[in-house]
């Protein structure tokens, strides 16, 4: 296939990445980068190394902090990105909702991100 495309060393490069780190990096790209773009700070965000630092932090701390939920998030994300279907998108959203439910801690002054007011 590559031979048929007439690629030369000037046209292509091979980069070896650790797949779990790449998943964390792609999650940051998809979930955080659009906000940086909307704020007009995307180039500075990348140039500062913040994107890479966020990906590295998610890769290092995510599995330990989130347990099996992190693995389910990664698996559902890869499935959604690899071959998008409405079902794959819904599965990823459900995983994010489970993650939100796991992480959300009520505080009397904060609204419940799930739609109700917190009560203490």
PDB file of N, CA and C in Angstrom:
ATOM      1  N   UNK A   1       0.825  -1.183   0.000  1.00  0.00           N
ATOM      2  CA  UNK A   1       0.000   0.000   0.000  1.00  0.00           C
ATOM      3  C   UNK A   1       0.875   1.256   0.000  1.00  0.00           C
ATOM      4  N   UNK A   2       1.886   1.315   0.871  1.00  0.00           N
ATOM      5  CA  UNK A   2       2.742   2.493   0.907  1.00  0.00           C
ATOM      6  C   UNK A   2       3.517   2.643  -0.395  1.00  0.00           C
ATOM      7  N   UNK A   3       3.933   1.536  -0.984  1.00  0.00           N
ATOM      8  CA  UNK A   3       4.650   1.588  -2.257  1.00  0.00           C
ATOM      9  C   UNK A   3       3.753   2.163  -3.353  1.00  0.00           C
ATOM     10  N   UNK A   4       2.479   1.775  -3.328  1.00  0.00           N
ATOM     11  CA  UNK A   4       1.537   2.274  -4.335  1.00  0.00           C
ATOM     12  C   UNK A   4       1.321   3.780  -4.228  1.00  0.00           C
ATOM     13  N   UNK A   5       1.504   4.331  -3.077  1.00  0.00           N
ATOM     14  CA  UNK A   5       1.308   5.771  -2.883  1.00  0.00           C
ATOM     15  C   UNK A   5       2.523   6.575  -3.309  1.00  0.00           C
ATOM     16  N   UNK A   6       3.605   5.892  -3.696  1.00  0.00           N
ATOM     17  CA  UNK A   6       4.836   6.552  -4.133  1.00  0.00           C
ATOM     18  C   UNK A   6       5.402   7.487  -3.075  1.00  0.00           C
ATOM     19  N   UNK A   7       5.373   7.055  -1.843  1.00  0.00           N
ATOM     20  CA  UNK A   7       5.917   7.867  -0.759  1.00  0.00           C
ATOM     21  C   UNK A   7       7.432   7.745  -0.727  1.00  0.00           C
ATOM     22  N   UNK A   8       8.070   8.850  -0.401  1.00  0.00           N
ATOM     23  CA  UNK A   8       9.519   8.861  -0.215  1.00  0.00           C
ATOM     24  C   UNK A   8       9.798   9.335   1.203  1.00  0.00           C
ATOM     25  N   UNK A   9      11.050   9.311   1.578  1.00  0.00           N
ATOM     26  CA  UNK A   9      11.439   9.786   2.908  1.00  0.00           C
ATOM     27  C   UNK A   9      11.084  11.254   3.112  1.00  0.00           C
ATOM     28  N   UNK A  10      10.964  11.998   2.040  1.00  0.00           N
ATOM     29  CA  UNK A  10      10.587  13.417   2.133  1.00  0.00           C
ATOM     30  C   UNK A  10       9.086  13.607   2.338  1.00  0.00           C
ATOM     31  N   UNK A  11       8.294  12.572   2.041  1.00  0.00           N
ATOM     32  CA  UNK A  11       6.837  12.670   2.098  1.00  0.00           C
ATOM     33  C   UNK A  11       6.225  12.124   3.388  1.00  0.00           C
ATOM     34  N   UNK A  12       6.936  11.274   4.081  1.00  0.00           N
ATOM     35  CA  UNK A  12       6.317  10.567   5.206  1.00  0.00           C
ATOM     36  C   UNK A  12       7.306  10.383   6.344  1.00  0.00           C
ATOM     37  N   UNK A  13       6.756  10.119   7.494  1.00  0.00           N
ATOM     38  CA  UNK A  13       7.575   9.827   8.674  1.00  0.00           C
ATOM     39  C   UNK A  13       6.854   8.768   9.489  1.00  0.00           C
ATOM     40  N   UNK A  14       7.614   8.021  10.238  1.00  0.00           N
ATOM     41  CA  UNK A  14       7.053   7.019  11.135  1.00  0.00           C
ATOM     42  C   UNK A  14       7.350   7.464  12.554  1.00  0.00           C
ATOM     43  N   UNK A  15       6.321   7.484  13.365  1.00  0.00           N
ATOM     44  CA  UNK A  15       6.473   7.860  14.765  1.00  0.00           C
ATOM     45  C   UNK A  15       5.929   6.712  15.610  1.00  0.00           C
ATOM     46  N   UNK A  16       6.708   6.284  16.561  1.00  0.00           N
ATOM     47  CA  UNK A  16       6.273   5.213  17.447  1.00  0.00           C
ATOM     48  C   UNK A  16       5.786   5.838  18.742  1.00  0.00           C
ATOM     49  N   UNK A  17       4.548   5.497  19.116  1.00  0.00           N
ATOM     50  CA  UNK A  17       3.958   6.016  20.342  1.00  0.00           C
ATOM     51  C   UNK A  17       3.413   4.869  21.169  1.00  0.00           C
ATOM     52  N   UNK A  18       3.415   5.064  22.450  1.00  0.00           N
ATOM     53  CA  UNK A  18       2.792   4.119  23.372  1.00  0.00           C
ATOM     54  C   UNK A  18       1.288   4.374  23.317  1.00  0.00           C
ATOM     55  N   UNK A  19       0.500   3.369  22.906  1.00  0.00           N
ATOM     56  CA  UNK A  19      -0.925   3.589  22.659  1.00  0.00           C
ATOM     57  C   UNK A  19      -1.657   4.187  23.866  1.00  0.00           C
ATOM     58  N   UNK A  20      -1.467   3.709  25.097  1.00  0.00           N
ATOM     59  CA  UNK A  20      -2.183   4.348  26.214  1.00  0.00           C
ATOM     60  C   UNK A  20      -1.849   5.829  26.376  1.00  0.00           C
ATOM     61  N   UNK A  21      -0.599   6.226  26.109  1.00  0.00           N
ATOM     62  CA  UNK A  21      -0.258   7.651  26.174  1.00  0.00           C
ATOM     63  C   UNK A  21      -0.943   8.396  25.030  1.00  0.00           C
ATOM     64  N   UNK A  22      -0.986   7.780  23.862  1.00  0.00           N
ATOM     65  CA  UNK A  22      -1.629   8.423  22.712  1.00  0.00           C
ATOM     66  C   UNK A  22      -3.114   8.631  22.966  1.00  0.00           C
ATOM     67  N   UNK A  23      -3.765   7.680  23.617  1.00  0.00           N
ATOM     68  CA  UNK A  23      -5.189   7.837  23.945  1.00  0.00           C
ATOM     69  C   UNK A  23      -5.367   9.039  24.873  1.00  0.00           C
ATOM     70  N   UNK A  24      -4.518   9.149  25.901  1.00  0.00           N
ATOM     71  CA  UNK A  24      -4.603  10.295  26.822  1.00  0.00           C
ATOM     72  C   UNK A  24      -4.379  11.600  26.054  1.00  0.00           C
ATOM     73  N   UNK A  25      -3.419  11.607  25.157  1.00  0.00           N
ATOM     74  CA  UNK A  25      -3.121  12.803  24.366  1.00  0.00           C
ATOM     75  C   UNK A  25      -4.296  13.180  23.470  1.00  0.00           C
ATOM     76  N   UNK A  26      -4.901  12.191  22.835  1.00  0.00           N
ATOM     77  CA  UNK A  26      -6.035  12.464  21.947  1.00  0.00           C
ATOM     78  C   UNK A  26      -7.247  12.937  22.745  1.00  0.00           C
ATOM     79  N   UNK A  27      -7.435  12.401  23.950  1.00  0.00           N
ATOM     80  CA  UNK A  27      -8.521  12.883  24.811  1.00  0.00           C
ATOM     81  C   UNK A  27      -8.344  14.372  25.113  1.00  0.00           C
ATOM     82  N   UNK A  28      -7.125  14.762  25.439  1.00  0.00           N
ATOM     83  CA  UNK A  28      -6.855  16.182  25.704  1.00  0.00           C
ATOM     84  C   UNK A  28      -7.123  17.000  24.445  1.00  0.00           C
ATOM     85  N   UNK A  29      -6.658  16.516  23.297  1.00  0.00           N
ATOM     86  CA  UNK A  29      -6.895  17.232  22.040  1.00  0.00           C
ATOM     87  C   UNK A  29      -8.380  17.427  21.773  1.00  0.00           C
ATOM     88  N   UNK A  30      -9.163  16.403  22.005  1.00  0.00           N
ATOM     89  CA  UNK A  30     -10.590  16.467  21.684  1.00  0.00           C
ATOM     90  C   UNK A  30     -11.418  17.197  22.738  1.00  0.00           C
ATOM     91  N   UNK A  31     -11.029  17.093  24.007  1.00  0.00           N
ATOM     92  CA  UNK A  31     -11.851  17.661  25.075  1.00  0.00           C
ATOM     93  C   UNK A  31     -11.398  19.049  25.534  1.00  0.00           C
ATOM     94  N   UNK A  32     -10.113  19.355  25.408  1.00  0.00           N
ATOM     95  CA  UNK A  32      -9.598  20.629  25.907  1.00  0.00           C
ATOM     96  C   UNK A  32      -9.268  21.596  24.763  1.00  0.00           C
ATOM     97  N   UNK A  33      -8.679  21.085  23.709  1.00  0.00           N
ATOM     98  CA  UNK A  33      -8.246  21.958  22.613  1.00  0.00           C
ATOM     99  C   UNK A  33      -9.364  22.851  22.063  1.00  0.00           C
ATOM    100  N   UNK A  34     -10.589  22.356  21.871  1.00  0.00           N
ATOM    101  CA  UNK A  34     -11.629  23.258  21.350  1.00  0.00           C
ATOM    102  C   UNK A  34     -11.867  24.477  22.243  1.00  0.00           C
ATOM    103  N   UNK A  35     -11.719  24.313  23.541  1.00  0.00           N
ATOM    104  CA  UNK A  35     -11.884  25.460  24.450  1.00  0.00           C
ATOM    105  C   UNK A  35     -10.741  26.459  24.291  1.00  0.00           C
ATOM    106  N   UNK A  36      -9.541  25.945  24.084  1.00  0.00           N
ATOM    107  CA  UNK A  36      -8.398  26.829  23.880  1.00  0.00           C
ATOM    108  C   UNK A  36      -8.559  27.588  22.558  1.00  0.00           C
ATOM    109  N   UNK A  37      -9.048  26.887  21.545  1.00  0.00           N
ATOM    110  CA  UNK A  37      -9.298  27.533  20.252  1.00  0.00           C
ATOM    111  C   UNK A  37     -10.360  28.617  20.385  1.00  0.00           C
ATOM    112  N   UNK A  38     -11.439  28.322  21.098  1.00  0.00           N
ATOM    113  CA  UNK A  38     -12.522  29.299  21.286  1.00  0.00           C
ATOM    114  C   UNK A  38     -12.037  30.534  22.032  1.00  0.00           C
ATOM    115  N   UNK A  39     -11.083  30.356  22.928  1.00  0.00           N
ATOM    116  CA  UNK A  39     -10.537  31.490  23.676  1.00  0.00           C
ATOM    117  C   UNK A  39      -9.458  32.230  22.891  1.00  0.00           C
ATOM    118  N   UNK A  40      -9.070  31.680  21.744  1.00  0.00           N
ATOM    119  CA  UNK A  40      -8.037  32.313  20.929  1.00  0.00           C
ATOM    120  C   UNK A  40      -6.630  32.088  21.438  1.00  0.00           C
ATOM    121  N   UNK A  41      -6.439  31.068  22.274  1.00  0.00           N
ATOM    122  CA  UNK A  41      -5.110  30.831  22.851  1.00  0.00           C
ATOM    123  C   UNK A  41      -4.528  29.471  22.477  1.00  0.00           C
ATOM    124  N   UNK A  42      -5.108  28.822  21.471  1.00  0.00           N
ATOM    125  CA  UNK A  42      -4.635  27.496  21.089  1.00  0.00           C
ATOM    126  C   UNK A  42      -3.139  27.464  20.743  1.00  0.00           C
ATOM    127  N   UNK A  43      -2.618  28.373  19.882  1.00  0.00           N
ATOM    128  CA  UNK A  43      -1.188  28.309  19.567  1.00  0.00           C
ATOM    129  C   UNK A  43      -0.305  28.460  20.814  1.00  0.00           C
ATOM    130  N   UNK A  44      -0.646  29.388  21.670  1.00  0.00           N
ATOM    131  CA  UNK A  44       0.150  29.590  22.887  1.00  0.00           C
ATOM    132  C   UNK A  44       0.039  28.388  23.818  1.00  0.00           C
ATOM    133  N   UNK A  45      -1.140  27.777  23.862  1.00  0.00           N
ATOM    134  CA  UNK A  45      -1.368  26.595  24.703  1.00  0.00           C
ATOM    135  C   UNK A  45      -0.452  25.458  24.263  1.00  0.00           C
ATOM    136  N   UNK A  46      -0.389  25.211  22.960  1.00  0.00           N
ATOM    137  CA  UNK A  46       0.516  24.171  22.454  1.00  0.00           C
ATOM    138  C   UNK A  46       1.980  24.567  22.648  1.00  0.00           C
ATOM    139  N   UNK A  47       2.320  25.811  22.316  1.00  0.00           N
ATOM    140  CA  UNK A  47       3.715  26.256  22.403  1.00  0.00           C
ATOM    141  C   UNK A  47       4.256  26.187  23.824  1.00  0.00           C
ATOM    142  N   UNK A  48       3.391  26.402  24.805  1.00  0.00           N
ATOM    143  CA  UNK A  48       3.840  26.377  26.200  1.00  0.00           C
ATOM    144  C   UNK A  48       4.111  24.969  26.715  1.00  0.00           C
ATOM    145  N   UNK A  49       3.659  23.965  25.975  1.00  0.00           N
ATOM    146  CA  UNK A  49       3.811  22.585  26.434  1.00  0.00           C
ATOM    147  C   UNK A  49       2.673  22.125  27.323  1.00  0.00           C
ATOM    148  N   UNK A  50       1.673  22.987  27.520  1.00  0.00           N
ATOM    149  CA  UNK A  50       0.569  22.639  28.414  1.00  0.00           C
ATOM    150  C   UNK A  50      -0.208  21.422  27.916  1.00  0.00           C
ATOM    151  N   UNK A  51      -0.417  21.315  26.614  1.00  0.00           N
ATOM    152  CA  UNK A  51      -1.160  20.169  26.077  1.00  0.00           C
ATOM    153  C   UNK A  51      -0.422  18.871  26.373  1.00  0.00           C
ATOM    154  N   UNK A  52       0.875  18.871  26.125  1.00  0.00           N
ATOM    155  CA  UNK A  52       1.688  17.679  26.394  1.00  0.00           C
ATOM    156  C   UNK A  52       1.711  17.369  27.885  1.00  0.00           C
ATOM    157  N   UNK A  53       1.811  18.395  28.713  1.00  0.00           N
ATOM    158  CA  UNK A  53       1.819  18.179  30.164  1.00  0.00           C
ATOM    159  C   UNK A  53       0.480  17.618  30.644  1.00  0.00           C
ATOM    160  N   UNK A  54      -0.622  18.123  30.092  1.00  0.00           N
ATOM    161  CA  UNK A  54      -1.935  17.596  30.461  1.00  0.00           C
ATOM    162  C   UNK A  54      -2.070  16.132  30.062  1.00  0.00           C
ATOM    163  N   UNK A  55      -1.626  15.814  28.844  1.00  0.00           N
ATOM    164  CA  UNK A  55      -1.695  14.424  28.378  1.00  0.00           C
ATOM    165  C   UNK A  55      -0.854  13.515  29.267  1.00  0.00           C
ATOM    166  N   UNK A  56       0.342  13.968  29.588  1.00  0.00           N
ATOM    167  CA  UNK A  56       1.220  13.158  30.440  1.00  0.00           C
ATOM    168  C   UNK A  56       0.598  12.956  31.829  1.00  0.00           C
ATOM    169  N   UNK A  57       0.025  14.010  32.380  1.00  0.00           N
ATOM    170  CA  UNK A  57      -0.609  13.917  33.695  1.00  0.00           C
ATOM    171  C   UNK A  57      -1.802  12.972  33.651  1.00  0.00           C
ATOM    172  N   UNK A  58      -2.628  13.090  32.614  1.00  0.00           N
ATOM    173  CA  UNK A  58      -3.769  12.186  32.485  1.00  0.00           C
ATOM    174  C   UNK A  58      -3.293  10.742  32.354  1.00  0.00           C
ATOM    175  N   UNK A  59      -2.262  10.507  31.555  1.00  0.00           N
ATOM    176  CA  UNK A  59      -1.712   9.168  31.379  1.00  0.00           C
ATOM    177  C   UNK A  59      -1.163   8.608  32.692  1.00  0.00           C
ATOM    178  N   UNK A  60      -0.437   9.436  33.439  1.00  0.00           N
ATOM    179  CA  UNK A  60       0.193   8.983  34.675  1.00  0.00           C
ATOM    180  C   UNK A  60      -0.789   8.805  35.825  1.00  0.00           C
ATOM    181  N   UNK A  61      -1.706   9.750  35.983  1.00  0.00           N
ATOM    182  CA  UNK A  61      -2.575   9.752  37.163  1.00  0.00           C
ATOM    183  C   UNK A  61      -3.976   9.204  36.920  1.00  0.00           C
ATOM    184  N   UNK A  62      -4.453   9.280  35.682  1.00  0.00           N
ATOM    185  CA  UNK A  62      -5.821   8.865  35.385  1.00  0.00           C
ATOM    186  C   UNK A  62      -6.163   7.445  35.800  1.00  0.00           C
ATOM    187  N   UNK A  63      -5.385   6.449  35.379  1.00  0.00           N
ATOM    188  CA  UNK A  63      -5.743   5.076  35.732  1.00  0.00           C
ATOM    189  C   UNK A  63      -5.777   4.820  37.246  1.00  0.00           C
ATOM    190  N   UNK A  64      -4.831   5.357  37.970  1.00  0.00           N
ATOM    191  CA  UNK A  64      -4.816   5.154  39.422  1.00  0.00           C
ATOM    192  C   UNK A  64      -5.934   5.891  40.131  1.00  0.00           C
ATOM    193  N   UNK A  65      -6.222   7.107  39.668  1.00  0.00           N
ATOM    194  CA  UNK A  65      -7.245   7.920  40.318  1.00  0.00           C
ATOM    195  C   UNK A  65      -8.656   7.466  39.968  1.00  0.00           C
ATOM    196  N   UNK A  66      -8.836   6.978  38.753  1.00  0.00           N
ATOM    197  CA  UNK A  66     -10.180   6.662  38.269  1.00  0.00           C
ATOM    198  C   UNK A  66     -10.456   5.171  38.168  1.00  0.00           C
ATOM    199  N   UNK A  67      -9.423   4.363  38.326  1.00  0.00           N
ATOM    200  CA  UNK A  67      -9.604   2.922  38.308  1.00  0.00           C
ATOM    201  C   UNK A  67     -10.149   2.419  36.985  1.00  0.00           C
ATOM    202  N   UNK A  68     -11.021   1.434  37.075  1.00  0.00           N
ATOM    203  CA  UNK A  68     -11.577   0.804  35.885  1.00  0.00           C
ATOM    204  C   UNK A  68     -12.364   1.789  35.022  1.00  0.00           C
ATOM    205  N   UNK A  69     -12.889   2.855  35.622  1.00  0.00           N
ATOM    206  CA  UNK A  69     -13.632   3.849  34.850  1.00  0.00           C
ATOM    207  C   UNK A  69     -12.722   4.490  33.799  1.00  0.00           C
ATOM    208  N   UNK A  70     -11.450   4.715  34.147  1.00  0.00           N
ATOM    209  CA  UNK A  70     -10.512   5.280  33.172  1.00  0.00           C
ATOM    210  C   UNK A  70     -10.342   4.329  31.989  1.00  0.00           C
ATOM    211  N   UNK A  71     -10.161   3.048  32.288  1.00  0.00           N
ATOM    212  CA  UNK A  71      -9.991   2.066  31.214  1.00  0.00           C
ATOM    213  C   UNK A  71     -11.231   2.003  30.326  1.00  0.00           C
ATOM    214  N   UNK A  72     -12.412   2.039  30.931  1.00  0.00           N
ATOM    215  CA  UNK A  72     -13.648   2.021  30.146  1.00  0.00           C
ATOM    216  C   UNK A  72     -13.759   3.272  29.287  1.00  0.00           C
ATOM    217  N   UNK A  73     -13.340   4.415  29.834  1.00  0.00           N
ATOM    218  CA  UNK A  73     -13.365   5.658  29.067  1.00  0.00           C
ATOM    219  C   UNK A  73     -12.423   5.539  27.864  1.00  0.00           C
ATOM    220  N   UNK A  74     -11.222   5.029  28.082  1.00  0.00           N
ATOM    221  CA  UNK A  74     -10.249   4.901  27.001  1.00  0.00           C
ATOM    222  C   UNK A  74     -10.754   3.945  25.920  1.00  0.00           C
ATOM    223  N   UNK A  75     -11.293   2.820  26.327  1.00  0.00           N
ATOM    224  CA  UNK A  75     -11.786   1.836  25.362  1.00  0.00           C
ATOM    225  C   UNK A  75     -12.954   2.402  24.553  1.00  0.00           C
ATOM    226  N   UNK A  76     -13.902   3.052  25.229  1.00  0.00           N
ATOM    227  CA  UNK A  76     -15.056   3.596  24.509  1.00  0.00           C
ATOM    228  C   UNK A  76     -14.641   4.762  23.611  1.00  0.00           C
ATOM    229  N   UNK A  77     -13.644   5.543  24.019  1.00  0.00           N
ATOM    230  CA  UNK A  77     -13.148   6.641  23.201  1.00  0.00           C
ATOM    231  C   UNK A  77     -12.485   6.112  21.931  1.00  0.00           C
ATOM    232  N   UNK A  78     -11.619   5.107  22.075  1.00  0.00           N
ATOM    233  CA  UNK A  78     -10.939   4.537  20.910  1.00  0.00           C
ATOM    234  C   UNK A  78     -11.965   3.945  19.943  1.00  0.00           C
ATOM    235  N   UNK A  79     -12.954   3.233  20.475  1.00  0.00           N
ATOM    236  CA  UNK A  79     -13.987   2.652  19.611  1.00  0.00           C
ATOM    237  C   UNK A  79     -14.745   3.744  18.859  1.00  0.00           C
ATOM    238  N   UNK A  80     -15.051   4.836  19.538  1.00  0.00           N
ATOM    239  CA  UNK A  80     -15.792   5.926  18.915  1.00  0.00           C
ATOM    240  C   UNK A  80     -14.959   6.599  17.825  1.00  0.00           C
ATOM    241  N   UNK A  81     -13.686   6.849  18.100  1.00  0.00           N
ATOM    242  CA  UNK A  81     -12.830   7.548  17.143  1.00  0.00           C
ATOM    243  C   UNK A  81     -12.486   6.642  15.955  1.00  0.00           C
ATOM    244  N   UNK A  82     -12.274   5.371  16.227  1.00  0.00           N
ATOM    245  CA  UNK A  82     -11.873   4.438  15.174  1.00  0.00           C
ATOM    246  C   UNK A  82     -12.974   4.253  14.129  1.00  0.00           C
ATOM    247  N   UNK A  83     -14.202   4.092  14.592  1.00  0.00           N
ATOM    248  CA  UNK A  83     -15.303   3.825  13.665  1.00  0.00           C
ATOM    249  C   UNK A  83     -16.568   4.437  14.251  1.00  0.00           C
ATOM    250  N   UNK A  84     -16.765   5.738  14.005  1.00  0.00           N
ATOM    251  CA  UNK A  84     -17.878   6.425  14.648  1.00  0.00           C
ATOM    252  C   UNK A  84     -19.219   5.877  14.180  1.00  0.00           C
ATOM    253  N   UNK A  85     -20.042   5.584  15.167  1.00  0.00           N
ATOM    254  CA  UNK A  85     -21.453   5.287  14.963  1.00  0.00           C
ATOM    255  C   UNK A  85     -22.193   6.018  16.076  1.00  0.00           C
ATOM    256  N   UNK A  86     -23.475   6.283  15.910  1.00  0.00           N
ATOM    257  CA  UNK A  86     -24.217   6.897  17.013  1.00  0.00           C
ATOM    258  C   UNK A  86     -24.140   6.070  18.298  1.00  0.00           C
ATOM    259  N   UNK A  87     -24.120   4.746  18.148  1.00  0.00           N
ATOM    260  CA  UNK A  87     -24.030   3.878  19.330  1.00  0.00           C
ATOM    261  C   UNK A  87     -22.676   4.039  20.032  1.00  0.00           C
ATOM    262  N   UNK A  88     -21.608   4.143  19.250  1.00  0.00           N
ATOM    263  CA  UNK A  88     -20.277   4.328  19.850  1.00  0.00           C
ATOM    264  C   UNK A  88     -20.197   5.690  20.532  1.00  0.00           C
ATOM    265  N   UNK A  89     -20.775   6.708  19.932  1.00  0.00           N
ATOM    266  CA  UNK A  89     -20.806   8.027  20.562  1.00  0.00           C
ATOM    267  C   UNK A  89     -21.592   8.003  21.855  1.00  0.00           C
ATOM    268  N   UNK A  90     -22.746   7.327  21.849  1.00  0.00           N
ATOM    269  CA  UNK A  90     -23.566   7.227  23.060  1.00  0.00           C
ATOM    270  C   UNK A  90     -22.845   6.451  24.155  1.00  0.00           C
ATOM    271  N   UNK A  91     -22.109   5.406  23.786  1.00  0.00           N
ATOM    272  CA  UNK A  91     -21.362   4.621  24.779  1.00  0.00           C
ATOM    273  C   UNK A  91     -20.290   5.486  25.431  1.00  0.00           C
ATOM    274  N   UNK A  92     -19.610   6.324  24.636  1.00  0.00           N
ATOM    275  CA  UNK A  92     -18.593   7.203  25.203  1.00  0.00           C
ATOM    276  C   UNK A  92     -19.222   8.224  26.145  1.00  0.00           C
ATOM    277  N   UNK A  93     -20.341   8.804  25.743  1.00  0.00           N
ATOM    278  CA  UNK A  93     -21.033   9.782  26.594  1.00  0.00           C
ATOM    279  C   UNK A  93     -21.471   9.120  27.907  1.00  0.00           C
ATOM    280  N   UNK A  94     -21.984   7.898  27.843  1.00  0.00           N
ATOM    281  CA  UNK A  94     -22.376   7.191  29.075  1.00  0.00           C
ATOM    282  C   UNK A  94     -21.182   6.986  30.001  1.00  0.00           C
ATOM    283  N   UNK A  95     -20.038   6.670  29.420  1.00  0.00           N
ATOM    284  CA  UNK A  95     -18.830   6.493  30.234  1.00  0.00           C
ATOM    285  C   UNK A  95     -18.434   7.810  30.884  1.00  0.00           C
ATOM    286  N   UNK A  96     -18.514   8.917  30.138  1.00  0.00           N
ATOM    287  CA  UNK A  96     -18.203  10.222  30.726  1.00  0.00           C
ATOM    288  C   UNK A  96     -19.188  10.575  31.836  1.00  0.00           C
ATOM    289  N   UNK A  97     -20.450  10.232  31.657  1.00  0.00           N
ATOM    290  CA  UNK A  97     -21.443  10.501  32.699  1.00  0.00           C
ATOM    291  C   UNK A  97     -21.148   9.686  33.960  1.00  0.00           C
ATOM    292  N   UNK A  98     -20.739   8.427  33.792  1.00  0.00           N
ATOM    293  CA  UNK A  98     -20.356   7.611  34.960  1.00  0.00           C
ATOM    294  C   UNK A  98     -19.136   8.223  35.651  1.00  0.00           C
ATOM    295  N   UNK A  99     -18.214   8.723  34.859  1.00  0.00           N
ATOM    296  CA  UNK A  99     -17.032   9.377  35.410  1.00  0.00           C
ATOM    297  C   UNK A  99     -17.424  10.627  36.178  1.00  0.00           C
ATOM    298  N   UNK A 100     -18.315  11.425  35.611  1.00  0.00           N
ATOM    299  CA  UNK A 100     -18.790  12.631  36.295  1.00  0.00           C
ATOM    300  C   UNK A 100     -19.473  12.259  37.611  1.00  0.00           C
ATOM    301  N   UNK A 101     -20.309  11.250  37.582  1.00  0.00           N
ATOM    302  CA  UNK A 101     -20.993  10.825  38.802  1.00  0.00           C
ATOM    303  C   UNK A 101     -20.014  10.346  39.862  1.00  0.00           C
ATOM    304  N   UNK A 102     -18.932   9.716  39.422  1.00  0.00           N
ATOM    305  CA  UNK A 102     -17.921   9.229  40.361  1.00  0.00           C
ATOM    306  C   UNK A 102     -17.139  10.385  40.983  1.00  0.00           C
ATOM    307  N   UNK A 103     -16.882  11.420  40.197  1.00  0.00           N
ATOM    308  CA  UNK A 103     -16.036  12.523  40.647  1.00  0.00           C
ATOM    309  C   UNK A 103     -16.793  13.647  41.338  1.00  0.00           C
ATOM    310  N   UNK A 104     -18.077  13.806  41.029  1.00  0.00           N
ATOM    311  CA  UNK A 104     -18.819  14.946  41.559  1.00  0.00           C
ATOM    312  C   UNK A 104     -19.028  14.800  43.049  1.00  0.00           C
ATOM    313  N   UNK A 105     -18.631  15.825  43.784  1.00  0.00           N
ATOM    314  CA  UNK A 105     -18.815  15.861  45.239  1.00  0.00           C
ATOM    315  C   UNK A 105     -19.710  17.051  45.553  1.00  0.00           C
ATOM    316  N   UNK A 106     -20.842  16.826  46.218  1.00  0.00           N
ATOM    317  CA  UNK A 106     -21.763  17.938  46.476  1.00  0.00           C
ATOM    318  C   UNK A 106     -21.170  18.999  47.392  1.00  0.00           C
ATOM    319  N   UNK A 107     -21.493  20.219  47.076  1.00  0.00           N
ATOM    320  CA  UNK A 107     -21.143  21.373  47.892  1.00  0.00           C
ATOM    321  C   UNK A 107     -22.387  22.251  47.905  1.00  0.00           C
ATOM    322  N   UNK A 108     -22.770  22.735  49.064  1.00  0.00           N
ATOM    323  CA  UNK A 108     -24.042  23.456  49.208  1.00  0.00           C
ATOM    324  C   UNK A 108     -24.164  24.637  48.247  1.00  0.00           C
ATOM    325  N   UNK A 109     -23.064  25.304  47.920  1.00  0.00           N
ATOM    326  CA  UNK A 109     -23.147  26.505  47.092  1.00  0.00           C
ATOM    327  C   UNK A 109     -23.031  26.219  45.597  1.00  0.00           C
ATOM    328  N   UNK A 110     -22.684  24.999  45.211  1.00  0.00           N
ATOM    329  CA  UNK A 110     -22.485  24.676  43.800  1.00  0.00           C
ATOM    330  C   UNK A 110     -23.690  23.972  43.218  1.00  0.00           C
ATOM    331  N   UNK A 111     -24.058  24.338  41.994  1.00  0.00           N
ATOM    332  CA  UNK A 111     -25.143  23.603  41.343  1.00  0.00           C
ATOM    333  C   UNK A 111     -24.673  22.202  40.971  1.00  0.00           C
ATOM    334  N   UNK A 112     -25.567  21.270  41.004  1.00  0.00           N
ATOM    335  CA  UNK A 112     -25.286  19.904  40.588  1.00  0.00           C
ATOM    336  C   UNK A 112     -25.173  19.914  39.064  1.00  0.00           C
ATOM    337  N   UNK A 113     -24.032  19.483  38.499  1.00  0.00           N
ATOM    338  CA  UNK A 113     -23.886  19.493  37.041  1.00  0.00           C
ATOM    339  C   UNK A 113     -24.865  18.539  36.367  1.00  0.00           C
ATOM    340  N   UNK A 114     -25.517  17.694  37.142  1.00  0.00           N
ATOM    341  CA  UNK A 114     -26.492  16.766  36.580  1.00  0.00           C
ATOM    342  C   UNK A 114     -27.882  17.380  36.552  1.00  0.00           C
ATOM    343  N   UNK A 115     -28.038  18.638  37.041  1.00  0.00           N
ATOM    344  CA  UNK A 115     -29.287  19.336  36.894  1.00  0.00           C
ATOM    345  C   UNK A 115     -29.997  19.696  38.187  1.00  0.00           C
ATOM    346  N   UNK A 116     -29.670  19.089  39.308  1.00  0.00           N
ATOM    347  CA  UNK A 116     -30.326  19.397  40.570  1.00  0.00           C
ATOM    348  C   UNK A 116     -29.419  20.256  41.435  1.00  0.00           C
ATOM    349  N   UNK A 117     -29.950  20.891  42.433  1.00  0.00           N
ATOM    350  CA  UNK A 117     -29.140  21.655  43.368  1.00  0.00           C
ATOM    351  C   UNK A 117     -28.558  20.692  44.392  1.00  0.00           C
ATOM    352  N   UNK A 118     -27.357  20.947  44.820  1.00  0.00           N
ATOM    353  CA  UNK A 118     -26.725  20.116  45.850  1.00  0.00           C
ATOM    354  C   UNK A 118     -27.388  20.371  47.189  1.00  0.00           C
ATOM    355  N   UNK A 119     -27.450  19.347  47.965  1.00  0.00           N
ATOM    356  CA  UNK A 119     -27.952  19.507  49.333  1.00  0.00           C
ATOM    357  C   UNK A 119     -26.970  18.851  50.275  1.00  0.00           C
ATOM    358  N   UNK A 120     -26.786  19.488  51.405  1.00  0.00           N
ATOM    359  CA  UNK A 120     -25.820  18.969  52.386  1.00  0.00           C
ATOM    360  C   UNK A 120     -26.552  18.620  53.654  1.00  0.00           C
TER     361      UNK A 120
END
